[in-house]
C-alpha cells in the first residue's frame, strides 16, 4: 500500500512546488541581485548602469536616484519612492529600503 500512497501524494506536492516556484520566480540582469520569498522580492540594483530584474512575472528597473528618492519602473509604470517609503505600481507595492553610493535596495510585493 505504500507505493500507492506515495504516488497519490507525489502529484499534489509536485503541483504545489510548481505553483510556489511561479509565485517566487525571479531573475536578475545587468548586475542586479534578487531574493524572493512567498510575499515578494527584494532587488538590489547597482546605483550606476542599466539594471533590471524579472520578478513576480514583471520587469523591475532602477531608473535613477535623486536626493534620496529612487525612481523605479515596475511593469512599465515608473514611481518615485523616498528611502523608507512605499507606493503602489500596477498592483504591486514598491518599498525603497536602502540607498547607498553603490546600490539601491527595493522590496516589491503583491
Protein backbone atom coordinates (compact mmCIF):
# COMPACT_ATOMS: atom_id res chain seq x y z
CA UNK A 1 0.00 0.00 0.00
CA UNK A 2 2.91 2.37 0.45
CA UNK A 3 3.70 2.75 -3.30
CA UNK A 4 0.10 3.83 -3.97
CA UNK A 5 0.23 6.33 -1.13
CA UNK A 6 3.50 7.79 -2.44
CA UNK A 7 2.06 8.21 -5.93
CA UNK A 8 -1.14 9.71 -4.55
CA UNK A 9 0.75 12.37 -2.60
CA UNK A 10 3.53 12.98 -5.12
CA UNK A 11 1.32 14.66 -7.73
CA UNK A 12 -0.22 17.24 -5.37
CA UNK A 13 3.19 18.02 -3.87
CA UNK A 14 4.69 18.50 -7.33
CA UNK A 15 1.83 20.83 -8.28
CA UNK A 16 2.36 22.83 -5.08
CA UNK A 17 6.09 23.13 -5.79
CA UNK A 18 5.38 24.41 -9.31
CA UNK A 19 2.83 26.90 -8.02
CA UNK A 20 5.19 28.23 -5.39
CA UNK A 21 8.00 28.39 -7.90
CA UNK A 22 5.83 30.52 -10.17
CA UNK A 23 4.95 32.88 -7.36
CA UNK A 24 8.52 33.39 -6.24
CA UNK A 25 10.22 33.23 -9.62
CA UNK A 26 12.81 35.90 -10.11
CA UNK A 27 15.84 36.61 -12.20
CA UNK A 28 18.41 39.37 -12.33
CA UNK A 29 20.16 41.12 -15.14
CA UNK A 30 22.72 43.85 -15.57
CA UNK A 31 24.32 43.43 -12.16
CA UNK A 32 21.15 43.38 -10.06
CA UNK A 33 20.59 40.72 -7.39
CA UNK A 34 17.23 39.26 -6.37
CA UNK A 35 15.97 37.36 -3.35
CA UNK A 36 12.36 36.20 -3.49
CA UNK A 37 10.01 34.71 -0.91
CA UNK A 38 6.31 33.93 -0.87
CA UNK A 39 5.30 37.52 -0.16
CA UNK A 40 7.60 39.37 -2.58
CA UNK A 41 11.11 40.01 -3.83
CA UNK A 42 13.99 42.14 -2.66
CA UNK A 43 16.05 43.52 -5.52
CA UNK A 44 19.48 45.08 -5.09
CA UNK A 45 20.23 47.31 -8.05
CA UNK A 46 23.68 48.76 -8.72
CA UNK A 47 23.39 52.53 -8.44
CA UNK A 48 25.10 53.13 -11.78
CA UNK A 49 24.41 51.49 -15.11
CA UNK A 50 21.32 49.85 -16.55
CA UNK A 51 19.99 47.05 -14.37
CA UNK A 52 16.69 45.22 -14.32
CA UNK A 53 15.15 42.18 -12.71
CA UNK A 54 12.39 39.85 -13.79
CA UNK A 55 10.27 39.23 -10.69
CA UNK A 56 6.73 38.09 -9.97
CA UNK A 57 6.01 37.95 -13.69
CA UNK A 58 7.04 41.56 -14.43
CA UNK A 59 10.21 43.54 -15.08
CA UNK A 60 11.54 45.97 -12.46
CA UNK A 61 14.19 48.53 -13.34
CA UNK A 62 16.03 51.27 -11.50
CA UNK A 63 15.51 54.47 -13.50
CA UNK A 64 17.56 56.75 -11.24
CA UNK A 65 18.10 58.27 -7.81
CA UNK A 66 17.82 61.94 -6.91
CA UNK A 67 18.13 63.42 -3.41
CA UNK A 68 17.20 60.20 -1.60
CA UNK A 69 14.29 59.37 -3.87
CA UNK A 70 14.54 56.37 -6.20
CA UNK A 71 12.64 56.18 -9.46
CA UNK A 72 11.68 52.57 -10.09
CA UNK A 73 9.87 51.16 -13.10
CA UNK A 74 7.63 48.17 -12.33
CA UNK A 75 5.56 46.54 -15.08
CA UNK A 76 6.04 49.63 -17.26
CA UNK A 77 4.91 52.13 -14.59
CA UNK A 78 7.53 54.47 -13.11
CA UNK A 79 7.14 55.57 -9.49
CA UNK A 80 9.25 57.85 -7.27
CA UNK A 81 9.80 56.43 -3.78
CA UNK A 82 11.82 58.03 -0.98
CA UNK A 83 14.10 55.87 1.16
CA UNK A 84 11.92 54.15 3.77
CA UNK A 85 8.77 54.96 1.83
CA UNK A 86 6.49 52.84 -0.31
CA UNK A 87 3.95 53.32 -3.07
CA UNK A 88 1.76 51.29 -5.42
CA UNK A 89 2.65 50.49 -9.04
CA UNK A 90 0.38 48.39 -11.23
CA UNK A 91 -0.91 46.24 -8.35
CA UNK A 92 2.49 45.93 -6.63
CA UNK A 93 3.81 47.62 -3.51
CA UNK A 94 7.24 49.16 -4.06
CA UNK A 95 9.34 50.00 -0.99
CA UNK A 96 12.82 51.52 -1.09
CA UNK A 97 14.71 50.01 1.82
CA UNK A 98 18.16 51.50 1.32
CA UNK A 99 20.14 53.77 -0.99
CA UNK A 100 23.93 53.90 -0.78
CA UNK A 101 26.66 55.23 -3.05
CA UNK A 102 26.83 51.86 -4.81
CA UNK A 103 23.37 50.24 -4.60
CA UNK A 104 19.63 50.67 -4.22
CA UNK A 105 17.67 48.00 -2.33
CA UNK A 106 13.97 47.73 -3.23
CA UNK A 107 11.25 45.40 -1.91
CA UNK A 108 8.45 44.62 -4.38
CA UNK A 109 5.41 42.65 -3.29
CA UNK A 110 1.85 41.97 -4.40
